[in-house]
């Protein structure tokens, strides 16, 4: 249901790839320490979950998609507020472990690494929006 909430239309290939990736062995050791893995496995939002944290992350993604559809700049007040919400959610998810945050962000920026770990695929446009938002000052858009 959360996948349907994320996307207006549901494509079978998305479902099949998520299910297929669930069956594959994931090499988390390649990206994270044992301690980091333990933290991630207990704290990362899961699409199959209906918890509030998962819904918050889904809403952030949907808000970025709306910005992209409407041509709202990552440097705009709206883009910066989204970035602030991502920072708050990241702190809730990762605590104050900046090394873990950076390592996880590097994985999320890579479609291959994200797929290898069975993480929900986030479009490069959304990743780019967040990257640009971190580098920009607020503009009037």
N, C-alpha and C. Protein backbone atom coordinates (compact mmCIF):
# COMPACT_ATOMS: atom_id res chain seq x y z
N UNK A 1 0.83 -1.19 0.00
CA UNK A 1 0.00 0.00 0.00
C UNK A 1 0.87 1.26 0.00
N UNK A 2 1.99 1.20 0.72
CA UNK A 2 2.87 2.36 0.74
C UNK A 2 3.49 2.61 -0.63
N UNK A 3 3.77 1.55 -1.37
CA UNK A 3 4.30 1.71 -2.71
C UNK A 3 3.27 2.40 -3.59
N UNK A 4 2.03 2.02 -3.46
CA UNK A 4 0.96 2.66 -4.22
C UNK A 4 0.81 4.12 -3.77
N UNK A 5 1.01 4.39 -2.50
CA UNK A 5 0.94 5.75 -1.99
C UNK A 5 2.06 6.61 -2.57
N UNK A 6 3.21 6.00 -2.81
CA UNK A 6 4.35 6.71 -3.37
C UNK A 6 4.16 7.04 -4.84
N UNK A 7 3.52 6.15 -5.55
CA UNK A 7 3.36 6.32 -6.99
C UNK A 7 1.88 6.32 -7.32
N UNK A 8 1.50 7.19 -8.24
CA UNK A 8 0.09 7.26 -8.65
C UNK A 8 -0.31 5.97 -9.37
N UNK A 9 0.62 5.41 -10.12
CA UNK A 9 0.36 4.15 -10.80
C UNK A 9 1.40 3.14 -10.35
N UNK A 10 0.98 1.92 -10.28
CA UNK A 10 1.85 0.85 -9.82
C UNK A 10 2.27 0.02 -11.02
N UNK A 11 3.57 -0.11 -11.21
CA UNK A 11 4.10 -0.88 -12.32
C UNK A 11 4.57 -2.24 -11.82
N UNK A 12 4.19 -3.29 -12.53
CA UNK A 12 4.55 -4.64 -12.12
C UNK A 12 6.05 -4.82 -12.03
N UNK A 13 6.80 -4.16 -12.93
CA UNK A 13 8.26 -4.34 -12.90
C UNK A 13 8.85 -3.80 -11.59
N UNK A 14 8.23 -2.75 -11.02
CA UNK A 14 8.70 -2.25 -9.73
C UNK A 14 8.47 -3.28 -8.64
N UNK A 15 7.29 -3.87 -8.63
CA UNK A 15 6.98 -4.89 -7.63
C UNK A 15 7.87 -6.11 -7.78
N UNK A 16 8.04 -6.55 -9.02
CA UNK A 16 8.85 -7.74 -9.28
C UNK A 16 10.30 -7.50 -8.85
N UNK A 17 10.84 -6.30 -9.15
CA UNK A 17 12.23 -6.04 -8.77
C UNK A 17 12.39 -5.99 -7.26
N UNK A 18 11.41 -5.42 -6.55
CA UNK A 18 11.49 -5.39 -5.08
C UNK A 18 11.41 -6.79 -4.49
N UNK A 19 10.52 -7.62 -5.01
CA UNK A 19 10.38 -8.99 -4.53
C UNK A 19 11.63 -9.79 -4.88
N UNK A 20 12.14 -9.63 -6.11
CA UNK A 20 13.34 -10.36 -6.52
C UNK A 20 14.53 -9.95 -5.66
N UNK A 21 14.65 -8.66 -5.37
CA UNK A 21 15.76 -8.18 -4.54
C UNK A 21 15.63 -8.68 -3.11
N UNK A 22 14.41 -8.90 -2.65
CA UNK A 22 14.20 -9.41 -1.29
C UNK A 22 14.76 -10.82 -1.17
N UNK A 23 14.71 -11.57 -2.26
CA UNK A 23 15.16 -12.95 -2.25
C UNK A 23 16.69 -13.07 -2.35
N UNK A 24 17.34 -12.06 -2.89
CA UNK A 24 18.78 -12.11 -3.08
C UNK A 24 19.51 -11.87 -1.77
N UNK A 25 20.69 -12.49 -1.66
CA UNK A 25 21.55 -12.19 -0.52
C UNK A 25 22.12 -10.80 -0.72
N UNK A 26 22.07 -10.02 0.33
CA UNK A 26 22.54 -8.65 0.25
C UNK A 26 23.87 -8.54 0.99
N UNK A 27 24.84 -7.89 0.37
CA UNK A 27 26.15 -7.76 0.98
C UNK A 27 26.28 -6.40 1.65
N UNK A 28 25.63 -6.27 2.80
CA UNK A 28 25.69 -5.02 3.57
C UNK A 28 27.11 -4.77 4.07
N UNK A 29 27.90 -5.86 4.22
CA UNK A 29 29.27 -5.72 4.71
C UNK A 29 30.13 -4.86 3.79
N UNK A 30 29.78 -4.82 2.54
CA UNK A 30 30.54 -4.04 1.57
C UNK A 30 30.41 -2.54 1.85
N UNK A 31 29.33 -2.13 2.49
CA UNK A 31 29.05 -0.71 2.67
C UNK A 31 29.07 -0.24 4.13
N UNK A 32 28.75 -1.16 5.06
CA UNK A 32 28.56 -0.75 6.45
C UNK A 32 29.23 -1.71 7.42
N UNK A 33 29.63 -1.16 8.56
CA UNK A 33 30.18 -2.00 9.63
C UNK A 33 29.04 -2.84 10.23
N UNK A 34 29.39 -3.84 11.01
CA UNK A 34 28.40 -4.70 11.65
C UNK A 34 27.49 -3.86 12.56
N UNK A 35 28.08 -2.94 13.30
CA UNK A 35 27.30 -2.07 14.19
C UNK A 35 26.34 -1.18 13.38
N UNK A 36 26.84 -0.61 12.27
CA UNK A 36 25.99 0.22 11.42
C UNK A 36 24.85 -0.60 10.83
N UNK A 37 25.16 -1.82 10.40
CA UNK A 37 24.12 -2.68 9.83
C UNK A 37 23.02 -2.96 10.83
N UNK A 38 23.40 -3.24 12.04
CA UNK A 38 22.43 -3.51 13.09
C UNK A 38 21.53 -2.31 13.30
N UNK A 39 22.12 -1.13 13.36
CA UNK A 39 21.34 0.09 13.53
C UNK A 39 20.39 0.30 12.35
N UNK A 40 20.90 0.15 11.14
CA UNK A 40 20.08 0.36 9.94
C UNK A 40 18.92 -0.62 9.87
N UNK A 41 19.20 -1.88 10.15
CA UNK A 41 18.15 -2.88 10.04
C UNK A 41 17.03 -2.65 11.05
N UNK A 42 17.35 -2.04 12.17
CA UNK A 42 16.31 -1.77 13.16
C UNK A 42 15.62 -0.42 12.95
N UNK A 43 16.29 0.51 12.26
CA UNK A 43 15.76 1.87 12.16
C UNK A 43 15.24 2.29 10.79
N UNK A 44 15.71 1.64 9.73
CA UNK A 44 15.27 2.08 8.40
C UNK A 44 13.78 1.85 8.21
N UNK A 45 13.11 2.83 7.59
CA UNK A 45 11.69 2.63 7.30
C UNK A 45 11.52 1.51 6.27
N UNK A 46 10.42 0.80 6.37
CA UNK A 46 10.15 -0.31 5.46
C UNK A 46 8.82 -0.05 4.76
N UNK A 47 8.82 -0.22 3.44
CA UNK A 47 7.60 0.05 2.68
C UNK A 47 6.42 -0.78 3.15
N UNK A 48 6.69 -1.98 3.63
CA UNK A 48 5.59 -2.84 4.07
C UNK A 48 5.02 -2.41 5.42
N UNK A 49 5.69 -1.47 6.06
CA UNK A 49 5.25 -1.00 7.38
C UNK A 49 4.32 0.20 7.22
N UNK A 50 3.41 0.34 8.12
CA UNK A 50 2.52 1.49 8.11
C UNK A 50 2.88 2.49 9.18
N UNK A 51 4.13 2.43 9.67
CA UNK A 51 4.49 3.30 10.78
C UNK A 51 4.63 4.76 10.34
N UNK A 52 4.65 5.65 11.30
CA UNK A 52 4.68 7.10 11.04
C UNK A 52 5.97 7.52 10.34
N UNK A 53 7.09 6.93 10.71
CA UNK A 53 8.36 7.31 10.09
C UNK A 53 8.35 7.00 8.59
N UNK A 54 7.86 5.82 8.24
CA UNK A 54 7.77 5.46 6.83
C UNK A 54 6.88 6.45 6.08
N UNK A 55 5.75 6.79 6.67
CA UNK A 55 4.83 7.74 6.04
C UNK A 55 5.48 9.12 5.89
N UNK A 56 6.28 9.53 6.87
CA UNK A 56 6.97 10.82 6.77
C UNK A 56 7.94 10.83 5.59
N UNK A 57 8.72 9.73 5.45
CA UNK A 57 9.66 9.65 4.33
C UNK A 57 8.92 9.63 2.99
N UNK A 58 7.81 8.91 2.93
CA UNK A 58 7.00 8.88 1.71
C UNK A 58 6.52 10.29 1.36
N UNK A 59 6.06 11.03 2.37
CA UNK A 59 5.59 12.38 2.12
C UNK A 59 6.70 13.31 1.64
N UNK A 60 7.91 13.14 2.16
CA UNK A 60 9.03 13.95 1.70
C UNK A 60 9.28 13.67 0.22
N UNK A 61 9.28 12.40 -0.16
CA UNK A 61 9.50 12.05 -1.57
C UNK A 61 8.40 12.65 -2.45
N UNK A 62 7.15 12.55 -2.00
CA UNK A 62 6.04 13.11 -2.77
C UNK A 62 6.14 14.64 -2.88
N UNK A 63 6.58 15.30 -1.81
CA UNK A 63 6.74 16.75 -1.87
C UNK A 63 7.84 17.14 -2.86
N UNK A 64 8.91 16.38 -2.91
CA UNK A 64 9.98 16.67 -3.87
C UNK A 64 9.45 16.44 -5.29
N UNK A 65 8.70 15.37 -5.49
CA UNK A 65 8.12 15.12 -6.81
C UNK A 65 7.22 16.28 -7.25
N UNK A 66 6.44 16.82 -6.32
CA UNK A 66 5.59 17.98 -6.64
C UNK A 66 6.45 19.19 -7.01
N UNK A 67 7.53 19.40 -6.28
CA UNK A 67 8.44 20.49 -6.62
C UNK A 67 9.00 20.32 -8.03
N UNK A 68 9.40 19.10 -8.34
CA UNK A 68 9.95 18.83 -9.67
C UNK A 68 8.89 19.05 -10.76
N UNK A 69 7.67 18.59 -10.52
CA UNK A 69 6.58 18.77 -11.49
C UNK A 69 6.26 20.24 -11.71
N UNK A 70 6.36 21.03 -10.63
CA UNK A 70 5.96 22.44 -10.71
C UNK A 70 7.14 23.39 -10.92
N UNK A 71 8.31 22.85 -11.15
CA UNK A 71 9.48 23.67 -11.42
C UNK A 71 9.97 24.48 -10.21
N UNK A 72 9.71 23.98 -9.02
CA UNK A 72 10.16 24.66 -7.81
C UNK A 72 11.63 24.34 -7.58
N UNK A 73 12.41 25.35 -7.41
CA UNK A 73 13.86 25.21 -7.25
C UNK A 73 14.22 24.60 -5.89
N UNK A 74 15.26 23.78 -5.85
CA UNK A 74 15.75 23.28 -4.58
C UNK A 74 16.23 24.41 -3.66
N UNK A 75 16.58 25.55 -4.26
CA UNK A 75 17.06 26.69 -3.48
C UNK A 75 15.90 27.55 -2.95
N UNK A 76 14.68 27.22 -3.35
CA UNK A 76 13.52 27.98 -2.88
C UNK A 76 13.27 27.73 -1.41
N UNK A 77 12.43 28.54 -0.82
CA UNK A 77 12.06 28.35 0.58
C UNK A 77 11.46 26.95 0.76
N UNK A 78 10.61 26.54 -0.17
CA UNK A 78 9.99 25.21 -0.09
C UNK A 78 11.04 24.10 -0.16
N UNK A 79 11.98 24.24 -1.08
CA UNK A 79 13.06 23.26 -1.20
C UNK A 79 13.90 23.19 0.06
N UNK A 80 14.16 24.33 0.65
CA UNK A 80 14.96 24.36 1.87
C UNK A 80 14.21 23.78 3.06
N UNK A 81 12.89 23.98 3.11
CA UNK A 81 12.08 23.38 4.18
C UNK A 81 12.05 21.86 4.04
N UNK A 82 11.98 21.37 2.81
CA UNK A 82 12.04 19.93 2.58
C UNK A 82 13.38 19.39 3.07
N UNK A 83 14.46 20.09 2.73
CA UNK A 83 15.79 19.68 3.17
C UNK A 83 15.87 19.65 4.69
N UNK A 84 15.28 20.63 5.34
CA UNK A 84 15.26 20.66 6.81
C UNK A 84 14.49 19.46 7.35
N UNK A 85 13.36 19.10 6.72
CA UNK A 85 12.61 17.91 7.14
C UNK A 85 13.41 16.64 6.94
N UNK A 86 14.17 16.57 5.86
CA UNK A 86 15.04 15.41 5.62
C UNK A 86 16.10 15.33 6.72
N UNK A 87 16.65 16.47 7.10
CA UNK A 87 17.64 16.48 8.17
C UNK A 87 17.03 16.00 9.49
N UNK A 88 15.82 16.44 9.79
CA UNK A 88 15.14 16.01 11.02
C UNK A 88 14.87 14.51 10.98
N UNK A 89 14.34 14.02 9.85
CA UNK A 89 14.06 12.59 9.73
C UNK A 89 15.35 11.77 9.77
N UNK A 90 16.41 12.30 9.18
CA UNK A 90 17.69 11.60 9.22
C UNK A 90 18.20 11.48 10.64
N UNK A 91 18.04 12.54 11.41
CA UNK A 91 18.46 12.48 12.81
C UNK A 91 17.63 11.46 13.59
N UNK A 92 16.32 11.41 13.29
CA UNK A 92 15.47 10.41 13.95
C UNK A 92 15.89 9.00 13.56
N UNK A 93 16.30 8.81 12.32
CA UNK A 93 16.65 7.49 11.81
C UNK A 93 18.06 7.08 12.18
N UNK A 94 19.02 8.00 12.06
CA UNK A 94 20.43 7.66 12.22
C UNK A 94 21.06 8.19 13.51
N UNK A 95 20.32 8.97 14.27
CA UNK A 95 20.89 9.59 15.45
C UNK A 95 21.90 10.65 15.03
N UNK A 96 22.94 10.81 15.82
CA UNK A 96 23.95 11.83 15.48
C UNK A 96 25.19 11.20 14.84
N UNK A 97 25.02 10.03 14.25
CA UNK A 97 26.13 9.31 13.61
C UNK A 97 26.35 9.84 12.20
N UNK A 98 27.14 10.91 12.08
CA UNK A 98 27.37 11.54 10.78
C UNK A 98 28.06 10.61 9.79
N UNK A 99 28.89 9.72 10.29
CA UNK A 99 29.57 8.76 9.42
C UNK A 99 28.56 7.80 8.78
N UNK A 100 27.61 7.34 9.56
CA UNK A 100 26.56 6.46 9.05
C UNK A 100 25.66 7.20 8.07
N UNK A 101 25.31 8.43 8.39
CA UNK A 101 24.48 9.23 7.49
C UNK A 101 25.18 9.37 6.14
N UNK A 102 26.45 9.71 6.15
CA UNK A 102 27.21 9.89 4.91
C UNK A 102 27.31 8.58 4.13
N UNK A 103 27.60 7.49 4.82
CA UNK A 103 27.72 6.19 4.15
C UNK A 103 26.38 5.77 3.53
N UNK A 104 25.30 5.98 4.26
CA UNK A 104 23.99 5.61 3.73
C UNK A 104 23.62 6.49 2.55
N UNK A 105 23.92 7.78 2.62
CA UNK A 105 23.61 8.69 1.51
C UNK A 105 24.39 8.28 0.26
N UNK A 106 25.63 7.86 0.42
CA UNK A 106 26.42 7.41 -0.73
C UNK A 106 25.77 6.19 -1.38
N UNK A 107 25.24 5.28 -0.57
CA UNK A 107 24.54 4.11 -1.11
C UNK A 107 23.28 4.55 -1.84
N UNK A 108 22.52 5.49 -1.25
CA UNK A 108 21.26 5.93 -1.86
C UNK A 108 21.50 6.67 -3.16
N UNK A 109 22.65 7.34 -3.29
CA UNK A 109 22.95 8.05 -4.54
C UNK A 109 23.28 7.08 -5.67
N UNK A 110 23.63 5.86 -5.33
CA UNK A 110 23.98 4.86 -6.33
C UNK A 110 22.80 3.93 -6.58
N UNK A 111 22.19 3.98 -7.77
CA UNK A 111 21.09 3.05 -8.06
C UNK A 111 21.51 1.59 -7.95
N UNK A 112 22.75 1.30 -8.32
CA UNK A 112 23.25 -0.08 -8.27
C UNK A 112 23.38 -0.56 -6.82
N UNK A 113 23.99 0.26 -5.98
CA UNK A 113 24.18 -0.13 -4.58
C UNK A 113 22.83 -0.23 -3.87
N UNK A 114 21.92 0.70 -4.13
CA UNK A 114 20.59 0.65 -3.52
C UNK A 114 19.86 -0.61 -3.93
N UNK A 115 19.93 -0.94 -5.22
CA UNK A 115 19.27 -2.16 -5.71
C UNK A 115 19.90 -3.40 -5.09
N UNK A 116 21.23 -3.40 -4.99
CA UNK A 116 21.94 -4.55 -4.41
C UNK A 116 21.48 -4.81 -2.98
N UNK A 117 21.18 -3.75 -2.24
CA UNK A 117 20.76 -3.90 -0.84
C UNK A 117 19.25 -4.02 -0.70
N UNK A 118 18.53 -4.00 -1.82
CA UNK A 118 17.08 -4.17 -1.78
C UNK A 118 16.35 -2.95 -1.27
N UNK A 119 16.96 -1.78 -1.41
CA UNK A 119 16.32 -0.54 -0.98
C UNK A 119 15.38 -0.03 -2.06
N UNK A 120 14.31 0.63 -1.64
CA UNK A 120 13.37 1.18 -2.60
C UNK A 120 14.11 2.13 -3.54
N UNK A 121 13.93 1.98 -4.86
CA UNK A 121 14.65 2.85 -5.79
C UNK A 121 14.12 4.29 -5.75
N UNK A 122 15.01 5.21 -5.53
CA UNK A 122 14.67 6.63 -5.53
C UNK A 122 15.21 7.22 -6.82
N UNK A 123 14.37 7.97 -7.51
CA UNK A 123 14.77 8.48 -8.82
C UNK A 123 15.96 9.43 -8.70
N UNK A 124 16.82 9.43 -9.71
CA UNK A 124 17.97 10.34 -9.70
C UNK A 124 17.53 11.80 -9.59
N UNK A 125 16.36 12.15 -10.10
CA UNK A 125 15.88 13.53 -10.02
C UNK A 125 15.65 13.94 -8.56
N UNK A 126 15.15 13.02 -7.75
CA UNK A 126 14.92 13.32 -6.33
C UNK A 126 16.26 13.46 -5.61
N UNK A 127 17.18 12.56 -5.89
CA UNK A 127 18.52 12.64 -5.30
C UNK A 127 19.17 13.97 -5.69
N UNK A 128 19.07 14.32 -6.97
CA UNK A 128 19.66 15.56 -7.47
C UNK A 128 19.04 16.78 -6.78
N UNK A 129 17.72 16.76 -6.58
CA UNK A 129 17.03 17.86 -5.91
C UNK A 129 17.62 18.06 -4.51
N UNK A 130 17.78 16.98 -3.77
CA UNK A 130 18.34 17.09 -2.42
C UNK A 130 19.80 17.55 -2.44
N UNK A 131 20.57 17.04 -3.38
CA UNK A 131 21.96 17.46 -3.50
C UNK A 131 22.05 18.95 -3.80
N UNK A 132 21.21 19.42 -4.72
CA UNK A 132 21.21 20.84 -5.07
C UNK A 132 20.72 21.68 -3.89
N UNK A 133 19.75 21.19 -3.15
CA UNK A 133 19.21 21.93 -2.00
C UNK A 133 20.30 22.14 -0.95
N UNK A 134 21.20 21.19 -0.79
CA UNK A 134 22.25 21.33 0.22
C UNK A 134 23.30 22.35 -0.19
N UNK A 135 23.37 22.64 -1.48
CA UNK A 135 24.40 23.57 -1.97
C UNK A 135 23.89 24.97 -2.24
N UNK A 136 22.60 25.20 -2.10
CA UNK A 136 22.02 26.48 -2.51
C UNK A 136 21.60 27.33 -1.34
N UNK A 137 21.62 28.62 -1.57
CA UNK A 137 21.01 29.54 -0.62
C UNK A 137 19.56 29.74 -1.07
N UNK A 138 18.74 30.24 -0.19
CA UNK A 138 17.32 30.41 -0.50
C UNK A 138 17.14 31.47 -1.59
N UNK A 139 16.32 31.09 -2.59
CA UNK A 139 15.95 32.01 -3.65
C UNK A 139 14.44 32.25 -3.58
N UNK A 140 13.92 33.23 -4.30
CA UNK A 140 12.50 33.55 -4.19
C UNK A 140 11.55 32.53 -4.78
N UNK A 141 12.00 31.56 -5.57
CA UNK A 141 11.08 30.59 -6.21
C UNK A 141 10.51 29.63 -5.24
